Protein backbone atom coordinates (compact mmCIF):
# COMPACT_ATOMS: atom_id res chain seq x y z
CA MET A 1 65.91 -7.57 -30.92
CA VAL A 2 67.19 -4.02 -30.64
CA ARG A 3 68.35 -2.22 -33.78
CA ILE A 4 71.56 -0.29 -33.35
CA ASP A 5 73.65 1.66 -35.85
CA GLU A 6 76.88 2.49 -34.07
CA ALA A 7 80.51 2.20 -35.12
CA VAL A 8 82.56 -0.30 -33.11
CA ALA A 9 86.22 -1.29 -32.92
CA VAL A 10 86.73 -4.96 -33.77
CA LEU A 11 89.59 -7.43 -33.39
CA VAL A 12 89.56 -10.32 -35.85
CA ASP A 13 91.30 -13.69 -36.20
CA GLN A 14 93.44 -14.81 -39.16
CA GLU A 15 90.31 -15.62 -41.18
CA GLY A 16 88.75 -12.19 -40.57
CA ALA A 17 86.13 -13.38 -38.06
CA PRO A 18 85.44 -11.11 -35.07
CA THR A 19 86.97 -12.23 -31.77
CA LEU A 20 86.38 -9.11 -29.64
CA PHE A 21 84.64 -5.78 -30.10
CA ARG A 22 84.36 -2.57 -28.10
CA TRP A 23 80.98 -0.86 -27.79
CA ARG A 24 80.08 2.02 -25.48
CA GLU A 25 83.38 1.72 -23.60
CA MET A 26 82.88 -1.99 -22.87
CA ASP A 27 84.68 -4.99 -24.38
CA TYR A 28 82.67 -7.96 -25.61
CA GLN A 29 84.43 -11.30 -26.12
CA VAL A 30 83.01 -13.46 -28.92
CA SER A 31 82.14 -16.80 -27.34
CA SER A 32 80.55 -18.73 -30.20
CA ARG A 33 81.66 -19.47 -33.72
CA PRO A 34 80.58 -16.43 -35.76
CA VAL A 35 78.22 -17.03 -38.68
CA ARG A 36 78.92 -14.94 -41.77
CA TRP A 37 76.82 -14.03 -44.79
CA PHE A 38 76.67 -11.27 -47.36
CA ALA A 39 73.82 -8.82 -47.97
CA ARG A 40 73.09 -5.89 -50.21
CA THR A 41 73.51 -2.44 -48.74
CA GLU A 42 70.83 0.20 -48.97
CA TRP A 43 72.81 1.84 -51.76
CA TRP A 44 69.94 4.20 -52.54
CA VAL A 45 70.31 5.80 -49.07
CA GLY A 46 73.12 8.30 -48.63
CA GLU A 47 75.83 8.25 -51.25
CA ARG A 48 74.89 6.59 -54.51
CA ALA A 49 76.92 3.79 -55.98
CA HIS A 50 78.73 4.73 -59.18
CA ARG A 51 79.27 2.47 -62.14
CA GLY A 52 82.54 0.55 -62.04
CA ILE A 53 83.46 0.96 -58.37
CA GLY A 54 83.03 -2.73 -57.51
CA SER A 55 80.78 -5.04 -55.53
CA GLY A 56 81.95 -3.59 -52.19
CA ALA A 57 79.77 -0.57 -52.82
CA VAL A 58 76.56 -2.61 -52.71
CA GLU A 59 77.52 -5.71 -50.72
CA VAL A 60 78.51 -5.99 -47.06
CA GLU A 61 79.60 -8.78 -44.76
CA ILE A 62 77.37 -9.54 -41.77
CA TRP A 63 78.51 -11.53 -38.75
CA ARG A 64 76.23 -12.92 -36.00
CA PHE A 65 77.59 -14.46 -32.80
CA LEU A 66 77.18 -14.86 -29.06
CA ALA A 67 79.39 -12.56 -27.00
CA ALA A 68 80.11 -12.10 -23.29
CA GLY A 69 80.23 -8.67 -21.74
CA ASP A 70 78.85 -6.88 -18.69
CA GLY A 71 78.24 -10.27 -17.04
CA THR A 72 75.79 -11.53 -19.65
CA MET A 73 75.81 -13.53 -22.88
CA THR A 74 74.04 -11.86 -25.79
CA PHE A 75 73.72 -12.39 -29.55
CA PHE A 76 75.02 -9.52 -31.65
CA GLU A 77 75.14 -8.72 -35.33
CA LEU A 78 78.01 -6.73 -36.84
CA LEU A 79 78.21 -5.30 -40.33
CA HIS A 80 81.65 -5.13 -41.96
CA ASN A 81 82.18 -2.82 -44.92
CA ALA A 82 85.40 -4.06 -46.54
CA THR A 83 85.53 -1.08 -48.92
CA ASP A 84 86.30 1.38 -46.14
CA ALA A 85 87.30 -1.19 -43.45
CA THR A 86 84.59 -0.08 -41.02
CA TRP A 87 82.47 -2.09 -38.58
CA LYS A 88 79.01 -1.26 -37.21
CA LEU A 89 76.96 -2.92 -34.54
CA THR A 90 73.54 -3.27 -36.16
CA LYS A 91 71.56 -5.56 -33.84
CA ARG A 92 71.52 -6.85 -30.29
CA PHE A 93 69.20 -9.76 -29.50
CA GLU A 94 67.72 -9.73 -26.01
């Protein structure tokens, strides 16, 4: 497993699940059914969460799936922050 912390562009289906993402100028097609769960952010790192701003400040969506790109199939993990609508590639499993 390789830890990564890079922003990526993501296309999603009607249910919000990733279908394709672009990382380092390469497109990766999701080829398995993505698994989703929620986790707490490291709210104590960087900006602090303020009272009353909602669960999105301390909870993020994580998606893990198999994707095809550069001629190989690899498991990836993406983090989706719904509060600011950003996506990050956090892990690549080799």
